[in-house]
Amino acid sequence: ALILFAHGSRDPDWAAPLRRVCALVRERSPHLRVELTFLELMAPSLRETSAMLVSEGFERIVVLPMFIAQGGHLKLDLPQQIDEVRKLHPLVRFEQAAALGDAEPIVQAMVAHVLTLAKD
C-alpha cells in the first residue's frame, strides 16, 4: 500500500490538489492501494490510516511525503510517527520514501512551469 503523507491545514480547500493526486493515482493504477493522510490539522492521521491498511492485510506500506523539500517534519516528525506505527504493527514493513520534491521529474516540472511564467 502507499500512503501520500501531507502536512495538513486549517483550510479544508488546501488539500484539494492532494486529493486530486490521490484520485488520479487510483484511477491510473486501480490495483494499487493508495491513501492520503496528514501530519496535523486534518484527518486521517498516519496512525489511523496505517491501522486501516494493516487491518486489510497489507504487509508493506510505503509513506511518500508530499513535501517539496526535506525539513524538520520529514527529518524528525515523520520518522517518529513511523516508529510509532512500527511498534503498533511490528509484522508490517513501513518505508519512508524521499520527499516528492526530491524526484527529478518533479524538479523538471517545476522548472518548466517557472519558465512558462517568465516568458515575455
Protein backbone atom coordinates (compact mmCIF):
# COMPACT_ATOMS: atom_id res chain seq x y z
CA ALA A 1 0.00 0.00 0.00
CA LEU A 2 1.03 3.60 -0.49
CA ILE A 3 0.32 6.48 1.85
CA LEU A 4 0.58 10.01 0.49
CA PHE A 5 1.68 11.97 3.56
CA ALA A 6 0.87 15.69 3.53
CA HIS A 7 1.21 18.46 6.09
CA GLY A 8 -2.42 19.47 6.61
CA SER A 9 -4.08 22.84 7.03
CA ARG A 10 -6.92 24.56 8.86
CA ASP A 11 -8.37 25.39 5.43
CA PRO A 12 -10.10 22.27 4.06
CA ASP A 13 -9.66 23.53 0.47
CA TRP A 14 -5.89 23.31 0.90
CA ALA A 15 -6.00 19.53 0.43
CA ALA A 16 -7.88 19.64 -2.90
CA PRO A 17 -4.79 19.22 -5.13
CA LEU A 18 -3.57 16.35 -2.97
CA ARG A 19 -6.96 14.65 -3.08
CA ARG A 20 -6.83 15.04 -6.85
CA VAL A 21 -3.39 13.40 -7.00
CA CYS A 22 -4.65 10.53 -4.86
CA ALA A 23 -7.73 10.07 -7.06
CA LEU A 24 -5.66 10.13 -10.25
CA VAL A 25 -3.23 7.54 -8.88
CA ARG A 26 -6.18 5.30 -8.01
CA GLU A 27 -7.65 5.83 -11.47
CA ARG A 28 -4.41 5.05 -13.31
CA SER A 29 -3.38 2.14 -11.07
CA PRO A 30 -6.55 0.53 -9.72
CA HIS A 31 -4.54 -2.42 -8.39
CA LEU A 32 -2.52 -0.09 -6.11
CA ARG A 33 -3.99 0.78 -2.73
CA VAL A 34 -3.27 4.47 -2.05
CA GLU A 35 -4.48 6.69 0.77
CA LEU A 36 -3.93 10.33 1.71
CA THR A 37 -3.04 11.17 5.30
CA PHE A 38 -1.88 14.23 7.20
CA LEU A 39 0.75 15.22 9.74
CA GLU A 40 -1.52 17.65 11.56
CA LEU A 41 -4.66 19.80 11.41
CA MET A 42 -6.54 17.36 9.15
CA ALA A 43 -7.68 13.76 9.27
CA PRO A 44 -6.88 10.98 8.87
CA SER A 45 -3.57 10.67 10.68
CA LEU A 46 -0.77 8.29 9.76
CA ARG A 47 -1.71 6.14 12.74
CA GLU A 48 -5.36 5.90 11.62
CA THR A 49 -4.54 5.16 8.00
CA SER A 50 -1.89 2.61 8.94
CA ALA A 51 -4.31 0.78 11.24
CA MET A 52 -6.89 0.61 8.45
CA LEU A 53 -4.39 -0.74 5.92
CA VAL A 54 -2.96 -3.27 8.37
CA SER A 55 -6.49 -4.48 9.19
CA GLU A 56 -6.95 -5.09 5.46
CA GLY A 57 -3.87 -7.33 5.39
CA PHE A 58 -1.20 -5.11 3.89
CA GLU A 59 2.28 -6.21 4.96
CA ARG A 60 4.29 -3.43 3.30
CA ILE A 61 3.34 0.25 3.45
CA VAL A 62 5.34 2.99 1.74
CA VAL A 63 4.89 6.51 3.11
CA LEU A 64 5.51 9.13 0.42
CA PRO A 65 5.93 12.65 1.81
CA MET A 66 4.06 15.09 -0.42
CA PHE A 67 6.54 17.82 0.52
CA ILE A 68 8.76 19.87 -1.78
CA ALA A 69 11.84 19.55 0.43
CA GLN A 70 13.26 17.85 3.49
CA GLY A 71 12.82 19.80 6.69
CA GLY A 72 12.05 19.23 10.35
CA HIS A 73 8.76 17.49 9.65
CA LEU A 74 10.43 14.92 7.40
CA LYS A 75 13.64 14.58 9.37
CA LEU A 76 12.05 14.40 12.83
CA ASP A 77 8.26 14.26 12.95
CA LEU A 78 7.57 11.70 10.23
CA PRO A 79 10.28 9.24 11.36
CA GLN A 80 8.85 9.45 14.89
CA GLN A 81 5.35 8.73 13.61
CA ILE A 82 6.62 5.84 11.50
CA ASP A 83 8.45 4.41 14.54
CA GLU A 84 5.17 4.61 16.48
CA VAL A 85 3.20 2.71 13.85
CA ARG A 86 6.01 0.14 13.56
CA LYS A 87 5.66 -0.53 17.27
CA LEU A 88 1.89 -0.87 16.92
CA HIS A 89 2.23 -3.16 13.88
CA PRO A 90 5.56 -5.00 14.20
CA LEU A 91 4.79 -7.53 11.45
CA VAL A 92 4.30 -4.80 8.83
CA ARG A 93 7.17 -3.23 6.90
CA PHE A 94 6.86 0.57 6.84
CA GLU A 95 9.13 2.51 4.49
CA GLN A 96 9.63 6.26 4.25
CA ALA A 97 10.21 7.44 0.69
CA ALA A 98 12.08 10.64 -0.16
CA ALA A 99 10.14 13.89 -0.35
CA LEU A 100 8.19 14.27 -3.56
CA GLY A 101 10.20 17.39 -4.40
CA ASP A 102 13.41 15.35 -4.43
CA ALA A 103 12.25 13.43 -7.52
CA GLU A 104 13.90 14.70 -10.69
CA PRO A 105 10.67 14.67 -12.76
CA ILE A 106 9.06 16.93 -10.15
CA VAL A 107 12.02 19.32 -10.21
CA GLN A 108 11.87 19.43 -14.02
CA ALA A 109 8.09 20.05 -13.94
CA MET A 110 8.62 22.96 -11.54
CA VAL A 111 11.34 24.42 -13.76
CA ALA A 112 9.10 24.10 -16.83
CA HIS A 113 6.26 25.85 -15.04
CA VAL A 114 8.50 28.65 -13.77
CA LEU A 115 9.80 29.21 -17.29
CA THR A 116 6.27 29.49 -18.70
CA LEU A 117 5.66 32.34 -16.27
CA ALA A 118 8.94 34.03 -17.10
CA LYS A 119 8.32 34.27 -20.87
CA ASP A 120 7.84 37.74 -22.26
